[in-house]
Every structure is written in C-alpha cells, then in structure tokens.
Amino acid sequence: MLYGIVPAVIAIIAHALFALLRTVIKNVWLGLLAAAGLAAYLLGVNELLILAAGAMVAAAAHLIRHPPRPRINGWVGVPMLGEQPLFPDPTGNELWTLFLTMLKIGSVLYGSGYVLLAFLQGDFVDRLHWITQQQLIDAVSIGQVTPGPVFTTATFIGYLVAGPAGAFVATVAIFLPSFVLVGLLTKVTDRLRSSPWTSALLDGVNATALALMAGVSYQLARTAIIDPITAAIAAVTLLLLWKTKLNNAWYIAAGAAIGLVHTLLT
C-alpha cells in the first residue's frame, strides 16, 4: 500500500507548498531569501540556523530601508538550541533522547506542519541515524492517512525508535510546547504584526520555512518516486489536486489501491 500512497503524499505536499508560495513570497526580495534558504538547506546547514538567519536578514533589511525612530516599542528573541543530541549513543537513553529531541522540535517549529519534515530529517536521519529516509517518508504517509495533524508523524517515528513507549513519549513531547506557547503568545503575535520591523522578521521566517519544506520535499521525492508507476501516481495526483476539489483521502486511497494491485501483479 505504501508503494502507492507515498508518491500521492508527495504530490499533496507539493500542492500545499504551491498554495503557501502565493501567500509567503510577497515580492522578489522574499523570493531570493527563500532561494538562499533552500540552497543552504541542500548544502547541509542546520535548520534552526536557516530560520534564524532568514528572520535576522529580513529584519535587518527592513531596518536599513526604514531606520527606527528613537522610541523602541519592544524586542523579539529567537530561541536557539544545540545541534548535537545530548546522548550520541541511542542504545542507552532512547526515551530520554527521543523526548528531548521531539521537545526541541516542537519548541522551535514554525509555520506549516510540513516544516516538521525538515527537522525530522535533520535530527533522526542525519544526526542520530535512528531511522532511514525511507522510514521517514513512510512515517509522513502514516501521518497523512491517520486522523489528526501532520504532527502524528512523530508518533510513528517514536514507535520505530522505541516501540509503544517511544510512540507515547514522542507524541507528548512534540505537542507539549504548542499547548503551552499558544496560550501565551496569541496576543503577542498580533503585536508583532503591528510593528513594521517585527512583521518583516516574520516574513523572513515564513520565506525560509517554505524553503525548508521545499528542500526536504525534494529529498523525500527522490526516495518515493522510484519508477514510472510512482511518477505517474505523483503527476496525476498533482494534476487532480490542481483541477478538482476532492478530499485528499481519495488520492491516498487510490494510491493504496494501486499499490496493492502492483503487489499482486508482480
């Protein structure tokens, strides 16, 4: 089933990125910033550094064009956490390391849920080496075919790492920061948008977040689209997403059916 589901999910992600593109890339400058963020990600730069750099560059560019008045209304801090895992050996402290890694991701994740993919790729595939890229794209597919947000991808990865206990720990850790921060930051976000330079900062983070999503989607597509059939599934799904308003579940179901038929015939 995953043979057919995965390319359909890649098409769904690509369609979502195109929709975000129209909202996030408001001018040529933000387009160049996103392109730079994409290049940095493909070159292996840390995801948090890319987001922070996008925010700082956009805010600095705005301040250069519009120097601030003497009165200062507020400030914004960008949290940064270490790149390396606390416990390099996953055999001794799987649950603790899993909890801290998912908590870190949940604390700094910004924008669409698909940004999660870049962080999962960077932490669990590239740095901890706990899962393969194929397992990551399988986890993304499970997150799409099950009820709830894309964040349920973390539940599946937790299960791959440490079984049912890992699934529980990963789920709690990934959602905990949002439950806390949403209540605290709802009013702050409106104030940030009301200030021109902090609004520019958010625009910069949006652009680089989109770049991260595009970068990891490209990497996952290389793993998912492996032959003419999977390429056709992705292309047809993308075309139907563009031309129709069918629920995404229909495309996933069709991909699953194609995967089953392919398995029976080969």
C-alpha atoms as a PDB file:
ATOM      1  CA  MET A   1       0.000   0.000   0.000  1.00  0.00           C
ATOM      2  CA  LEU A   2       2.805   2.424   0.876  1.00  0.00           C
ATOM      3  CA  TYR A   3       4.267   1.921  -2.612  1.00  0.00           C
ATOM      4  CA  GLY A   4       1.239   3.791  -4.000  1.00  0.00           C
ATOM      5  CA  ILE A   5       0.476   6.031  -1.012  1.00  0.00           C
ATOM      6  CA  VAL A   6       3.909   7.637  -0.734  1.00  0.00           C
ATOM      7  CA  PRO A   7       4.010   9.281  -4.220  1.00  0.00           C
ATOM      8  CA  ALA A   8       0.443  10.529  -3.685  1.00  0.00           C
ATOM      9  CA  VAL A   9       1.528  12.114  -0.389  1.00  0.00           C
ATOM     10  CA  ILE A  10       4.482  13.760  -2.130  1.00  0.00           C
ATOM     11  CA  ALA A  11       2.041  15.330  -4.609  1.00  0.00           C
ATOM     12  CA  ILE A  12      -0.192  16.533  -1.732  1.00  0.00           C
ATOM     13  CA  ILE A  13       2.804  18.165  -0.052  1.00  0.00           C
ATOM     14  CA  ALA A  14       3.901  19.785  -3.335  1.00  0.00           C
ATOM     15  CA  HIS A  15       0.397  21.179  -3.864  1.00  0.00           C
ATOM     16  CA  ALA A  16       0.374  22.583  -0.331  1.00  0.00           C
ATOM     17  CA  LEU A  17       3.727  24.263  -0.973  1.00  0.00           C
ATOM     18  CA  PHE A  18       2.430  25.915  -4.139  1.00  0.00           C
ATOM     19  CA  ALA A  19      -0.526  27.291  -2.165  1.00  0.00           C
ATOM     20  CA  LEU A  20       1.831  28.650   0.505  1.00  0.00           C
ATOM     21  CA  LEU A  21       4.089  30.126  -2.171  1.00  0.00           C
ATOM     22  CA  ARG A  22       1.448  32.638  -3.218  1.00  0.00           C
ATOM     23  CA  THR A  23       0.947  33.755   0.393  1.00  0.00           C
ATOM     24  CA  VAL A  24       4.524  33.761   1.661  1.00  0.00           C
ATOM     25  CA  ILE A  25       6.529  35.105  -1.298  1.00  0.00           C
ATOM     26  CA  LYS A  26       5.142  38.640  -1.435  1.00  0.00           C
ATOM     27  CA  ASN A  27       7.930  40.179  -3.515  1.00  0.00           C
ATOM     28  CA  VAL A  28      11.162  39.417  -5.362  1.00  0.00           C
ATOM     29  CA  TRP A  29      13.246  40.051  -2.243  1.00  0.00           C
ATOM     30  CA  LEU A  30      11.461  37.336  -0.250  1.00  0.00           C
ATOM     31  CA  GLY A  31      11.774  35.015  -3.246  1.00  0.00           C
ATOM     32  CA  LEU A  32      15.546  35.483  -3.224  1.00  0.00           C
ATOM     33  CA  LEU A  33      15.633  34.902   0.530  1.00  0.00           C
ATOM     34  CA  ALA A  34      13.683  31.663   0.115  1.00  0.00           C
ATOM     35  CA  ALA A  35      16.023  30.546  -2.677  1.00  0.00           C
ATOM     36  CA  ALA A  36      19.027  31.230  -0.449  1.00  0.00           C
ATOM     37  CA  GLY A  37      17.398  29.266   2.370  1.00  0.00           C
ATOM     38  CA  LEU A  38      16.751  26.330   0.032  1.00  0.00           C
ATOM     39  CA  ALA A  39      20.357  26.349  -1.168  1.00  0.00           C
ATOM     40  CA  ALA A  40      21.622  26.467   2.424  1.00  0.00           C
ATOM     41  CA  TYR A  41      19.433  23.523   3.414  1.00  0.00           C
ATOM     42  CA  LEU A  42      20.581  21.404   0.471  1.00  0.00           C
ATOM     43  CA  LEU A  43      24.177  22.228   1.416  1.00  0.00           C
ATOM     44  CA  GLY A  44      23.580  20.828   4.893  1.00  0.00           C
ATOM     45  CA  VAL A  45      23.191  23.982   7.015  1.00  0.00           C
ATOM     46  CA  ASN A  46      21.288  23.437  10.278  1.00  0.00           C
ATOM     47  CA  GLU A  47      17.545  24.094  10.020  1.00  0.00           C
ATOM     48  CA  LEU A  48      17.418  26.379  13.064  1.00  0.00           C
ATOM     49  CA  LEU A  49      20.260  28.494  11.701  1.00  0.00           C
ATOM     50  CA  ILE A  50      18.427  28.889   8.395  1.00  0.00           C
ATOM     51  CA  LEU A  51      15.230  30.060  10.115  1.00  0.00           C
ATOM     52  CA  ALA A  52      17.123  32.413  12.419  1.00  0.00           C
ATOM     53  CA  ALA A  53      19.180  33.822   9.539  1.00  0.00           C
ATOM     54  CA  GLY A  54      16.045  34.383   7.475  1.00  0.00           C
ATOM     55  CA  ALA A  55      14.466  36.304  10.339  1.00  0.00           C
ATOM     56  CA  MET A  56      17.546  38.408  11.028  1.00  0.00           C
ATOM     57  CA  VAL A  57      18.283  39.207   7.377  1.00  0.00           C
ATOM     58  CA  ALA A  58      14.682  40.248   6.701  1.00  0.00           C
ATOM     59  CA  ALA A  59      14.532  42.389   9.846  1.00  0.00           C
ATOM     60  CA  ALA A  60      17.923  43.984   9.093  1.00  0.00           C
ATOM     61  CA  ALA A  61      16.904  44.765   5.510  1.00  0.00           C
ATOM     62  CA  HIS A  62      13.750  46.454   6.755  1.00  0.00           C
ATOM     63  CA  LEU A  63      15.667  48.478   9.342  1.00  0.00           C
ATOM     64  CA  ILE A  64      18.141  49.624   6.675  1.00  0.00           C
ATOM     65  CA  ARG A  65      15.332  50.773   4.398  1.00  0.00           C
ATOM     66  CA  HIS A  66      13.310  52.246   7.267  1.00  0.00           C
ATOM     67  CA  PRO A  67      15.592  53.338  10.147  1.00  0.00           C
ATOM     68  CA  PRO A  68      13.782  53.141  13.502  1.00  0.00           C
ATOM     69  CA  ARG A  69      12.679  56.178  15.377  1.00  0.00           C
ATOM     70  CA  PRO A  70      14.335  56.891  18.755  1.00  0.00           C
ATOM     71  CA  ARG A  71      11.450  55.283  20.632  1.00  0.00           C
ATOM     72  CA  ILE A  72      11.725  51.482  20.852  1.00  0.00           C
ATOM     73  CA  ASN A  73       8.442  49.619  21.308  1.00  0.00           C
ATOM     74  CA  GLY A  74       9.683  46.120  22.058  1.00  0.00           C
ATOM     75  CA  TRP A  75      12.047  43.292  21.239  1.00  0.00           C
ATOM     76  CA  VAL A  76      11.949  39.767  19.928  1.00  0.00           C
ATOM     77  CA  GLY A  77      14.208  36.892  20.894  1.00  0.00           C
ATOM     78  CA  VAL A  78      14.847  33.864  18.687  1.00  0.00           C
ATOM     79  CA  PRO A  79      15.490  30.688  20.699  1.00  0.00           C
ATOM     80  CA  MET A  80      18.387  28.529  19.583  1.00  0.00           C
ATOM     81  CA  LEU A  81      19.196  25.060  20.772  1.00  0.00           C
ATOM     82  CA  GLY A  82      22.285  22.945  20.236  1.00  0.00           C
ATOM     83  CA  GLU A  83      22.593  20.937  17.055  1.00  0.00           C
ATOM     84  CA  GLN A  84      24.101  17.810  18.584  1.00  0.00           C
ATOM     85  CA  PRO A  85      21.986  15.285  20.531  1.00  0.00           C
ATOM     86  CA  LEU A  86      22.592  15.149  24.287  1.00  0.00           C
ATOM     87  CA  PHE A  87      23.220  11.415  24.154  1.00  0.00           C
ATOM     88  CA  PRO A  88      25.063  10.341  20.980  1.00  0.00           C
ATOM     89  CA  ASP A  89      24.590   6.632  21.844  1.00  0.00           C
ATOM     90  CA  PRO A  90      20.894   5.851  21.309  1.00  0.00           C
ATOM     91  CA  THR A  91      21.133   2.400  22.896  1.00  0.00           C
ATOM     92  CA  GLY A  92      21.414   3.721  26.454  1.00  0.00           C
ATOM     93  CA  ASN A  93      18.952   6.622  26.645  1.00  0.00           C
ATOM     94  CA  GLU A  94      16.479   6.168  23.795  1.00  0.00           C
ATOM     95  CA  LEU A  95      13.387   7.515  25.535  1.00  0.00           C
ATOM     96  CA  TRP A  96      15.144  10.476  27.174  1.00  0.00           C
ATOM     97  CA  THR A  97      16.907  11.491  23.964  1.00  0.00           C
ATOM     98  CA  LEU A  98      13.709  10.942  21.988  1.00  0.00           C
ATOM     99  CA  PHE A  99      11.763  13.154  24.415  1.00  0.00           C
ATOM    100  CA  LEU A 100      14.327  15.977  24.347  1.00  0.00           C
ATOM    101  CA  THR A 101      14.671  15.873  20.560  1.00  0.00           C
ATOM    102  CA  MET A 102      10.920  15.968  19.947  1.00  0.00           C
ATOM    103  CA  LEU A 103      10.526  18.656  22.624  1.00  0.00           C
ATOM    104  CA  LYS A 104      13.180  20.744  20.860  1.00  0.00           C
ATOM    105  CA  ILE A 105      11.435  20.309  17.512  1.00  0.00           C
ATOM    106  CA  GLY A 106       8.049  21.159  18.999  1.00  0.00           C
ATOM    107  CA  SER A 107       9.529  24.248  20.679  1.00  0.00           C
ATOM    108  CA  VAL A 108      11.149  25.797  17.604  1.00  0.00           C
ATOM    109  CA  LEU A 109       8.895  24.579  14.790  1.00  0.00           C
ATOM    110  CA  TYR A 110       7.373  27.475  12.899  1.00  0.00           C
ATOM    111  CA  GLY A 111       4.860  27.712  10.070  1.00  0.00           C
ATOM    112  CA  SER A 112       3.105  24.844   8.313  1.00  0.00           C
ATOM    113  CA  GLY A 113       3.236  21.383   9.830  1.00  0.00           C
ATOM    114  CA  TYR A 114       5.266  20.289   6.822  1.00  0.00           C
ATOM    115  CA  VAL A 115       8.267  22.173   8.222  1.00  0.00           C
ATOM    116  CA  LEU A 116       8.381  19.253  10.665  1.00  0.00           C
ATOM    117  CA  LEU A 117       9.811  17.095   7.873  1.00  0.00           C
ATOM    118  CA  ALA A 118      12.999  19.142   7.658  1.00  0.00           C
ATOM    119  CA  PHE A 119      13.623  18.837  11.389  1.00  0.00           C
ATOM    120  CA  LEU A 120      12.884  15.104  11.434  1.00  0.00           C
ATOM    121  CA  GLN A 121      15.253  14.602   8.517  1.00  0.00           C
ATOM    122  CA  GLY A 122      17.993  16.618  10.209  1.00  0.00           C
ATOM    123  CA  ASP A 123      17.695  15.018  13.663  1.00  0.00           C
ATOM    124  CA  PHE A 124      16.565  11.430  13.203  1.00  0.00           C
ATOM    125  CA  VAL A 125      18.035  10.571   9.793  1.00  0.00           C
ATOM    126  CA  ASP A 126      21.189  12.694   9.507  1.00  0.00           C
ATOM    127  CA  ARG A 127      22.359  13.203  13.115  1.00  0.00           C
ATOM    128  CA  LEU A 128      21.000  10.409  15.297  1.00  0.00           C
ATOM    129  CA  HIS A 129      20.815   7.853  12.451  1.00  0.00           C
ATOM    130  CA  TRP A 130      17.876   6.154  14.150  1.00  0.00           C
ATOM    131  CA  ILE A 131      15.724   5.853  11.026  1.00  0.00           C
ATOM    132  CA  THR A 132      16.309   5.768   7.289  1.00  0.00           C
ATOM    133  CA  GLN A 133      14.962   8.229   4.759  1.00  0.00           C
ATOM    134  CA  GLN A 134      12.559   5.530   3.553  1.00  0.00           C
ATOM    135  CA  GLN A 135      11.226   5.133   7.083  1.00  0.00           C
ATOM    136  CA  LEU A 136      10.788   8.912   7.299  1.00  0.00           C
ATOM    137  CA  ILE A 137       8.676   9.047   4.139  1.00  0.00           C
ATOM    138  CA  ASP A 138       6.679   6.061   5.431  1.00  0.00           C
ATOM    139  CA  ALA A 139       6.104   7.982   8.675  1.00  0.00           C
ATOM    140  CA  VAL A 140       4.908  11.015   6.700  1.00  0.00           C
ATOM    141  CA  SER A 141       2.478   8.791   4.825  1.00  0.00           C
ATOM    142  CA  ILE A 142       1.154   7.324   8.082  1.00  0.00           C
ATOM    143  CA  GLY A 143       0.701  10.876   9.361  1.00  0.00           C
ATOM    144  CA  GLN A 144      -1.413  11.633   6.284  1.00  0.00           C
ATOM    145  CA  VAL A 145      -3.609   8.527   6.303  1.00  0.00           C
ATOM    146  CA  THR A 146      -4.442   8.688  10.029  1.00  0.00           C
ATOM    147  CA  PRO A 147      -6.755  11.263  11.666  1.00  0.00           C
ATOM    148  CA  GLY A 148      -5.176  14.372  13.131  1.00  0.00           C
ATOM    149  CA  PRO A 149      -2.439  16.806  12.097  1.00  0.00           C
ATOM    150  CA  VAL A 150       0.832  16.044  10.328  1.00  0.00           C
ATOM    151  CA  PHE A 151       2.478  16.054  13.757  1.00  0.00           C
ATOM    152  CA  THR A 152       1.228  12.483  14.254  1.00  0.00           C
ATOM    153  CA  THR A 153       4.213  11.597  12.063  1.00  0.00           C
ATOM    154  CA  ALA A 154       6.218  11.973  15.288  1.00  0.00           C
ATOM    155  CA  THR A 155       4.139   9.226  16.922  1.00  0.00           C
ATOM    156  CA  PHE A 156       5.107   6.751  14.206  1.00  0.00           C
ATOM    157  CA  ILE A 157       8.773   7.694  14.425  1.00  0.00           C
ATOM    158  CA  GLY A 158       8.671   7.241  18.208  1.00  0.00           C
ATOM    159  CA  TYR A 159       7.281   3.762  17.657  1.00  0.00           C
ATOM    160  CA  LEU A 160      10.059   2.942  15.200  1.00  0.00           C
ATOM    161  CA  VAL A 161      12.670   4.076  17.723  1.00  0.00           C
ATOM    162  CA  ALA A 162      11.358   2.562  20.968  1.00  0.00           C
ATOM    163  CA  GLY A 163       8.040   0.790  20.414  1.00  0.00           C
ATOM    164  CA  PRO A 164       4.765   1.830  22.139  1.00  0.00           C
ATOM    165  CA  ALA A 165       6.597   3.717  24.894  1.00  0.00           C
ATOM    166  CA  GLY A 166       8.522   5.664  22.247  1.00  0.00           C
ATOM    167  CA  ALA A 167       5.283   6.495  20.426  1.00  0.00           C
ATOM    168  CA  PHE A 168       3.790   7.884  23.651  1.00  0.00           C
ATOM    169  CA  VAL A 169       6.892   9.890  24.593  1.00  0.00           C
ATOM    170  CA  ALA A 170       7.294  11.347  21.089  1.00  0.00           C
ATOM    171  CA  THR A 171       3.639  12.380  20.920  1.00  0.00           C
ATOM    172  CA  VAL A 172       3.667  14.118  24.301  1.00  0.00           C
ATOM    173  CA  ALA A 173       6.971  15.869  23.577  1.00  0.00           C
ATOM    174  CA  ILE A 174       6.046  17.168  20.105  1.00  0.00           C
ATOM    175  CA  PHE A 175       2.693  18.628  21.220  1.00  0.00           C
ATOM    176  CA  LEU A 176       3.614  19.889  24.698  1.00  0.00           C
ATOM    177  CA  PRO A 177       5.299  23.163  23.615  1.00  0.00           C
ATOM    178  CA  SER A 178       2.379  24.189  21.394  1.00  0.00           C
ATOM    179  CA  PHE A 179      -0.145  23.665  24.186  1.00  0.00           C
ATOM    180  CA  VAL A 180       1.910  25.943  26.420  1.00  0.00           C
ATOM    181  CA  LEU A 181       3.026  28.537  23.880  1.00  0.00           C
ATOM    182  CA  VAL A 182      -0.254  29.078  22.024  1.00  0.00           C
ATOM    183  CA  GLY A 183      -1.933  30.322  25.163  1.00  0.00           C
ATOM    184  CA  LEU A 184       0.981  32.614  25.969  1.00  0.00           C
ATOM    185  CA  LEU A 185       1.687  34.026  22.502  1.00  0.00           C
ATOM    186  CA  THR A 186      -1.753  34.643  20.994  1.00  0.00           C
ATOM    187  CA  LYS A 187      -1.776  38.335  21.921  1.00  0.00           C
ATOM    188  CA  VAL A 188       1.966  38.743  21.330  1.00  0.00           C
ATOM    189  CA  THR A 189       1.661  37.661  17.675  1.00  0.00           C
ATOM    190  CA  ASP A 190      -0.837  40.436  16.944  1.00  0.00           C
ATOM    191  CA  ARG A 191       1.555  42.967  18.470  1.00  0.00           C
ATOM    192  CA  LEU A 192       4.441  41.627  16.383  1.00  0.00           C
ATOM    193  CA  ARG A 193       2.461  42.073  13.171  1.00  0.00           C
ATOM    194  CA  SER A 194       1.508  45.614  14.173  1.00  0.00           C
ATOM    195  CA  SER A 195       5.191  46.620  14.210  1.00  0.00           C
ATOM    196  CA  PRO A 196       6.745  47.046  10.720  1.00  0.00           C
ATOM    197  CA  TRP A 197      10.160  45.615  11.556  1.00  0.00           C
ATOM    198  CA  THR A 198       8.907  42.601  13.518  1.00  0.00           C
ATOM    199  CA  SER A 199       6.397  41.986  10.726  1.00  0.00           C
ATOM    200  CA  ALA A 200       9.353  41.931   8.320  1.00  0.00           C
ATOM    201  CA  LEU A 201      11.099  39.472  10.656  1.00  0.00           C
ATOM    202  CA  LEU A 202       8.089  37.133  10.484  1.00  0.00           C
ATOM    203  CA  ASP A 203       8.043  37.444   6.686  1.00  0.00           C
ATOM    204  CA  GLY A 204      11.679  36.336   6.622  1.00  0.00           C
ATOM    205  CA  VAL A 205      10.973  33.311   8.800  1.00  0.00           C
ATOM    206  CA  ASN A 206       7.994  32.425   6.583  1.00  0.00           C
ATOM    207  CA  ALA A 207      10.160  32.535   3.461  1.00  0.00           C
ATOM    208  CA  THR A 208      12.908  30.353   4.918  1.00  0.00           C
ATOM    209  CA  ALA A 209      10.360  27.950   6.439  1.00  0.00           C
ATOM    210  CA  LEU A 210       8.917  27.494   2.950  1.00  0.00           C
ATOM    211  CA  ALA A 211      12.442  26.843   1.672  1.00  0.00           C
ATOM    212  CA  LEU A 212      12.934  24.117   4.293  1.00  0.00           C
ATOM    213  CA  MET A 213       9.681  22.473   3.271  1.00  0.00           C
ATOM    214  CA  ALA A 214      10.678  22.573  -0.387  1.00  0.00           C
ATOM    215  CA  GLY A 215      14.133  21.175   0.340  1.00  0.00           C
ATOM    216  CA  VAL A 216      13.006  18.185   2.370  1.00  0.00           C
ATOM    217  CA  SER A 217      10.137  17.508  -0.057  1.00  0.00           C
ATOM    218  CA  TYR A 218      12.668  17.291  -2.881  1.00  0.00           C
ATOM    219  CA  GLN A 219      14.765  14.838  -0.891  1.00  0.00           C
ATOM    220  CA  LEU A 220      11.753  12.711   0.011  1.00  0.00           C
ATOM    221  CA  ALA A 221      10.512  12.727  -3.583  1.00  0.00           C
ATOM    222  CA  ARG A 222      13.808  11.215  -4.699  1.00  0.00           C
ATOM    223  CA  THR A 223      13.147   8.338  -2.303  1.00  0.00           C
ATOM    224  CA  ALA A 224       9.436   7.954  -3.086  1.00  0.00           C
ATOM    225  CA  ILE A 225       9.377   8.245  -6.879  1.00  0.00           C
ATOM    226  CA  ILE A 226      11.389   5.224  -7.964  1.00  0.00           C
ATOM    227  CA  ASP A 227       9.823   4.100 -11.264  1.00  0.00           C
ATOM    228  CA  PRO A 228       7.322   5.175 -13.969  1.00  0.00           C
ATOM    229  CA  ILE A 229       4.317   3.992 -11.945  1.00  0.00           C
ATOM    230  CA  THR A 230       5.138   6.040  -8.848  1.00  0.00           C
ATOM    231  CA  ALA A 231       5.990   9.013 -11.074  1.00  0.00           C
ATOM    232  CA  ALA A 232       2.593   8.681 -12.763  1.00  0.00           C
ATOM    233  CA  ILE A 233       0.794   8.467  -9.407  1.00  0.00           C
ATOM    234  CA  ALA A 234       2.502  11.669  -8.238  1.00  0.00           C
ATOM    235  CA  ALA A 235       1.851  13.513 -11.514  1.00  0.00           C
ATOM    236  CA  VAL A 236      -1.821  12.503 -11.801  1.00  0.00           C
ATOM    237  CA  THR A 237      -2.462  13.290  -8.125  1.00  0.00           C
ATOM    238  CA  LEU A 238      -0.896  16.722  -8.512  1.00  0.00           C
ATOM    239  CA  LEU A 239      -2.978  17.398 -11.638  1.00  0.00           C
ATOM    240  CA  LEU A 240      -6.206  16.359  -9.907  1.00  0.00           C
ATOM    241  CA  LEU A 241      -5.371  18.445  -6.849  1.00  0.00           C
ATOM    242  CA  TRP A 242      -4.959  21.439  -9.146  1.00  0.00           C
ATOM    243  CA  LYS A 243      -8.106  20.826 -11.217  1.00  0.00           C
ATOM    244  CA  THR A 244     -10.550  19.396  -8.641  1.00  0.00           C
ATOM    245  CA  LYS A 245     -11.556  19.876  -5.008  1.00  0.00           C
ATOM    246  CA  LEU A 246     -11.638  16.225  -3.937  1.00  0.00           C
ATOM    247  CA  ASN A 247     -10.629  15.407  -0.379  1.00  0.00           C
ATOM    248  CA  ASN A 248      -7.017  14.270  -0.022  1.00  0.00           C
ATOM    249  CA  ALA A 249      -8.213  10.976   1.423  1.00  0.00           C
ATOM    250  CA  TRP A 250      -9.433   9.902  -2.032  1.00  0.00           C
ATOM    251  CA  TYR A 251      -5.978  10.314  -3.543  1.00  0.00           C
ATOM    252  CA  ILE A 252      -4.390   8.359  -0.701  1.00  0.00           C
ATOM    253  CA  ALA A 253      -6.995   5.601  -1.063  1.00  0.00           C
ATOM    254  CA  ALA A 254      -6.377   5.440  -4.811  1.00  0.00           C
ATOM    255  CA  GLY A 255      -2.630   5.256  -4.226  1.00  0.00           C
ATOM    256  CA  ALA A 256      -3.137   2.428  -1.734  1.00  0.00           C
ATOM    257  CA  ALA A 257      -5.288   0.522  -4.242  1.00  0.00           C
ATOM    258  CA  ILE A 258      -2.667   0.942  -6.970  1.00  0.00           C
ATOM    259  CA  GLY A 259      -0.008  -0.264  -4.556  1.00  0.00           C
ATOM    260  CA  LEU A 260      -1.989  -3.399  -3.753  1.00  0.00           C
ATOM    261  CA  VAL A 261      -2.673  -4.153  -7.418  1.00  0.00           C
ATOM    262  CA  HIS A 262       1.008  -3.617  -8.233  1.00  0.00           C
ATOM    263  CA  THR A 263       1.988  -6.064  -5.489  1.00  0.00           C
ATOM    264  CA  LEU A 264      -0.453  -8.719  -6.719  1.00  0.00           C
ATOM    265  CA  LEU A 265       0.725  -8.433 -10.326  1.00  0.00           C
ATOM    266  CA  THR A 266       4.469  -8.554  -9.592  1.00  0.00           C
END
